[in-house]
Protein backbone atom coordinates (compact mmCIF):
# COMPACT_ATOMS: atom_id res chain seq x y z
CA MET A 1 5.69 42.77 13.14
CA LYS A 2 7.82 45.17 10.77
CA LYS A 3 5.00 46.05 7.79
CA THR A 4 6.30 46.35 3.85
CA ARG A 5 6.48 49.83 2.64
CA THR A 6 4.00 49.42 0.14
CA GLU A 7 1.64 48.00 3.44
CA LEU A 8 2.32 51.94 4.56
CA GLU A 9 1.36 53.19 1.94
CA GLN A 10 -2.09 51.31 1.35
CA GLU A 11 -2.71 51.81 4.97
CA ASN A 12 -2.26 55.51 4.44
CA LEU A 13 -4.62 55.40 0.99
CA ASP A 14 -7.65 53.47 3.24
CA GLN A 15 -7.29 56.33 6.04
CA LYS A 16 -7.90 58.33 3.13
CA ILE A 17 -4.95 60.46 4.07
CA ILE A 18 -4.69 63.14 1.15
CA LEU A 19 -1.12 62.85 -0.55
CA HIS A 20 1.10 65.08 -2.30
CA GLU A 21 0.84 63.73 -5.93
CA ASP A 22 4.87 62.92 -5.96
CA GLU A 23 3.62 60.53 -2.62
CA ARG A 24 0.91 59.08 -4.73
CA ASN A 25 3.48 58.44 -7.64
CA THR A 26 5.82 57.12 -5.78
CA ILE A 27 3.32 54.74 -3.88
CA LEU A 28 1.51 53.70 -7.85
CA LYS A 29 5.16 52.86 -8.95
CA ALA A 30 6.26 50.45 -5.31
CA ARG A 31 2.87 48.74 -6.44
CA ALA A 32 3.45 48.34 -10.30
CA GLN A 33 6.69 46.76 -9.44
CA THR A 34 4.87 44.56 -6.93
CA LEU A 35 2.43 43.27 -9.36
CA ALA A 36 5.29 42.96 -11.99
CA VAL A 37 7.33 40.79 -10.59
CA GLU A 38 7.59 37.36 -12.89
CA ILE A 39 6.67 34.55 -11.71
CA LYS A 40 9.13 31.98 -12.54
CA ASP A 41 7.73 28.66 -13.40
CA VAL A 42 8.86 26.00 -10.89
CA THR A 43 8.53 22.97 -13.71
CA THR A 44 11.47 22.88 -15.69
CA LYS A 45 10.82 21.85 -19.29
CA LYS A 46 12.48 18.54 -20.08
CA ASP A 47 13.34 17.48 -23.37
CA PHE A 48 11.47 14.20 -24.97
CA ILE A 49 12.13 11.89 -27.60
CA GLU A 50 9.54 10.14 -29.55
CA ILE A 51 9.98 6.94 -30.01
CA MET A 52 8.29 3.83 -31.75
CA GLU A 53 8.30 0.53 -29.49
CA PHE A 54 8.50 -2.72 -30.89
CA SER A 55 9.86 -6.29 -29.71
CA LEU A 56 12.43 -8.25 -30.99
CA ALA A 57 13.09 -11.36 -29.62
CA SER A 58 11.76 -11.76 -26.18
CA GLU A 59 12.73 -7.79 -25.58
CA THR A 60 11.22 -4.44 -25.82
CA TYR A 61 13.49 -1.86 -27.46
CA GLY A 62 12.34 1.38 -29.53
CA ILE A 63 13.70 3.50 -32.02
CA GLU A 64 13.56 6.97 -32.83
CA THR A 65 10.64 8.36 -34.38
CA ALA A 66 12.67 10.71 -36.16
CA PHE A 67 14.32 8.27 -38.36
CA ILE A 68 11.61 6.14 -39.28
CA ARG A 69 10.13 6.90 -42.26
CA GLU A 70 7.31 3.93 -42.12
CA VAL A 71 6.65 0.66 -40.65
CA TYR A 72 5.43 -2.30 -43.42
CA PRO A 73 4.08 -5.88 -43.33
CA LEU A 74 6.10 -8.34 -44.15
CA LYS A 75 4.09 -10.30 -46.60
CA ASP A 76 6.51 -11.39 -49.11
CA PHE A 77 10.72 -10.82 -49.62
CA SER A 78 12.93 -11.96 -51.74
CA PRO A 79 16.45 -13.43 -50.21
CA LEU A 80 19.83 -11.90 -51.81
CA PRO A 81 22.43 -15.09 -52.10
CA GLY A 82 25.41 -14.25 -51.51
CA THR A 83 24.88 -11.60 -48.45
CA PRO A 84 25.31 -11.70 -44.92
CA PRO A 85 23.27 -14.17 -42.34
CA PHE A 86 22.29 -10.27 -40.94
CA VAL A 87 20.09 -10.01 -44.41
CA LEU A 88 17.08 -11.47 -44.54
CA GLY A 89 16.60 -9.82 -48.47
CA ILE A 90 14.36 -7.25 -49.93
CA ILE A 91 10.98 -6.32 -50.65
CA ASN A 92 9.08 -3.96 -53.03
CA VAL A 93 7.51 -0.88 -50.99
CA ARG A 94 5.43 1.12 -53.97
CA GLY A 95 8.37 0.27 -56.58
CA GLN A 96 11.17 1.22 -54.46
CA ILE A 97 13.28 -1.86 -53.46
CA ILE A 98 14.51 -1.97 -49.87
CA SER A 99 16.90 -4.03 -48.12
CA ILE A 100 15.40 -5.80 -44.41
CA VAL A 101 18.27 -6.13 -42.14
CA ASP A 102 17.12 -8.72 -38.89
CA LEU A 103 18.46 -6.83 -36.33
CA LYS A 104 18.44 -10.70 -34.16
CA LYS A 105 21.06 -11.62 -36.08
CA PHE A 106 23.38 -8.64 -36.61
CA PHE A 107 23.08 -8.39 -32.68
CA ASN A 108 23.72 -12.42 -31.93
CA LEU A 109 19.86 -12.22 -30.34
CA PRO A 110 18.49 -15.29 -29.64
CA GLU A 111 15.93 -15.92 -32.28
CA LYS A 112 12.60 -16.49 -32.41
CA GLY A 113 11.15 -17.61 -35.71
CA LEU A 114 8.71 -15.09 -38.51
CA GLY A 115 5.46 -15.07 -37.23
CA GLU A 116 1.93 -13.69 -38.56
CA LEU A 117 2.52 -10.50 -37.21
CA ASN A 118 5.89 -9.88 -38.68
CA LYS A 119 6.64 -5.73 -39.51
CA VAL A 120 9.27 -4.28 -41.04
CA ILE A 121 9.87 -0.74 -39.88
CA ILE A 122 11.85 1.19 -42.05
CA VAL A 123 14.62 3.74 -40.55
CA GLN A 124 16.49 6.06 -43.09
CA ASN A 125 18.42 9.25 -42.82
CA GLU A 126 20.55 11.58 -45.45
CA GLN A 127 23.04 8.04 -46.20
CA MET A 128 21.03 5.05 -45.71
CA GLU A 129 17.52 3.86 -45.73
CA PHE A 130 16.71 -0.11 -44.79
CA GLY A 131 14.38 -2.22 -43.77
CA ILE A 132 14.50 -3.31 -40.31
CA LEU A 133 12.22 -6.54 -39.14
CA ALA A 134 10.26 -6.93 -35.91
CA ASP A 135 8.24 -9.22 -34.19
CA ALA A 136 5.63 -7.00 -33.13
CA ILE A 137 5.02 -2.89 -33.05
CA GLN A 138 3.54 -2.26 -29.79
CA GLY A 139 3.23 1.97 -30.46
CA THR A 140 5.04 5.09 -29.84
CA CYS A 141 5.34 6.96 -26.47
CA SER A 142 7.46 9.90 -25.86
CA VAL A 143 10.30 9.25 -23.27
CA PRO A 144 12.17 12.41 -21.34
CA LEU A 145 15.78 12.24 -22.34
CA ASP A 146 16.75 12.80 -18.89
CA ALA A 147 14.98 8.91 -18.09
CA ILE A 148 17.17 7.21 -20.67
CA GLN A 149 19.79 5.93 -18.34
CA ASN A 150 23.51 4.67 -19.68
CA SER A 151 24.27 2.60 -16.62
CA LEU A 152 22.70 -0.15 -17.51
CA VAL A 153 23.46 -0.29 -20.97
CA PRO A 154 26.57 -2.84 -19.98
CA THR A 155 24.56 -5.67 -19.17
CA ILE A 156 22.66 -5.93 -22.51
CA GLU A 157 24.14 -8.31 -24.91
CA ILE A 158 24.21 -5.15 -27.99
CA GLY A 159 27.24 -3.14 -28.22
CA THR A 160 27.02 -0.25 -26.73
CA GLY A 161 27.96 1.34 -30.12
CA TYR A 162 24.47 0.72 -31.01
CA LEU A 163 22.08 1.75 -28.04
CA ARG A 164 21.52 4.89 -26.60
CA GLY A 165 19.90 3.78 -22.97
CA VAL A 166 17.68 1.93 -21.01
CA THR A 167 14.25 3.40 -19.91
CA SER A 168 12.83 2.27 -16.37
CA ASP A 169 10.19 0.35 -18.06
CA HIS A 170 13.19 -1.89 -19.79
CA THR A 171 12.83 -0.35 -22.91
CA ILE A 172 16.13 -0.69 -24.90
CA ILE A 173 16.65 2.28 -27.41
CA LEU A 174 18.66 1.71 -30.02
CA ASP A 175 20.39 4.64 -31.28
CA ALA A 176 19.11 4.96 -35.10
CA GLU A 177 22.03 7.23 -36.33
CA LYS A 178 24.61 4.88 -35.29
CA ILE A 179 22.81 1.91 -36.83
CA LEU A 180 22.67 3.90 -40.10
CA SER A 181 26.01 5.05 -40.53
CA ASP A 182 27.80 1.29 -38.76
CA GLU A 183 30.07 0.22 -41.97
CA LYS A 184 28.94 -3.41 -41.48
CA ILE A 185 25.72 -2.90 -42.64
CA ILE A 186 26.90 -1.55 -45.78
CA ILE A 187 28.15 -4.46 -48.34
CA HIS A 188 30.40 -3.51 -50.77
CA GLN A 189 30.32 -6.64 -53.40
CA GLU A 190 31.83 -6.18 -56.63
CA ALA A 191 30.13 -7.83 -59.41
CA GLU A 192 33.29 -10.39 -60.89
C-alpha cells in the first residue's frame, strides 16, 4: 500500500527526524491544505412552498400562503343579485367589503351544502382581493416543489390553467396567481 506524502511526512515527524525549516513548512502547508478541504454537503437544498390545506367538495386543496391575507369565519353574507352563480355574495370584514367566490361553482364541482364550519380564505395580490369559500380548513404545511406532480393534472376536473399540480398525498395545489388574475372572476357590469 502506497503511503501519501502527508503520511510519510507524519512518520518522519513521529521518528523525531530533524527536518530543515523549508521541509517542515512544506509538511505543515500540506497538512493545512488537507484539513482545509471543503466537505461538500451531500444533502441538497430543496425549494419549498408554504400552503394552506382546505377541503372543498370532499377533496383536499392547497393554496400558497403568500397569497392569503387571512381566514375568516362565514357568519353572514349578503347575496348580490345579477352576479354570476359562482359569486356567493359579499361580507363585511372589519369595515371592508369582500366578495366571496364559490370555487365549487366556478370549477363546476359537485355541490355540498353550507355547513356550520364554513370559512372564507381571503386571497390577494397587487390587483385583486376576494374570499374563497372553503368547507373546512385543515392547516398549513410546507411542500417541496419537486414533490408537486404536474402529470396528474389533466385527470382533475378543474382546468389545468388553475392548477400548480398534485402532491403525493393527493392534495390539489391551486395556482393562486392565475385565479386572482383571471378575467372570468372580474365582473364588469355597467349601470343602466
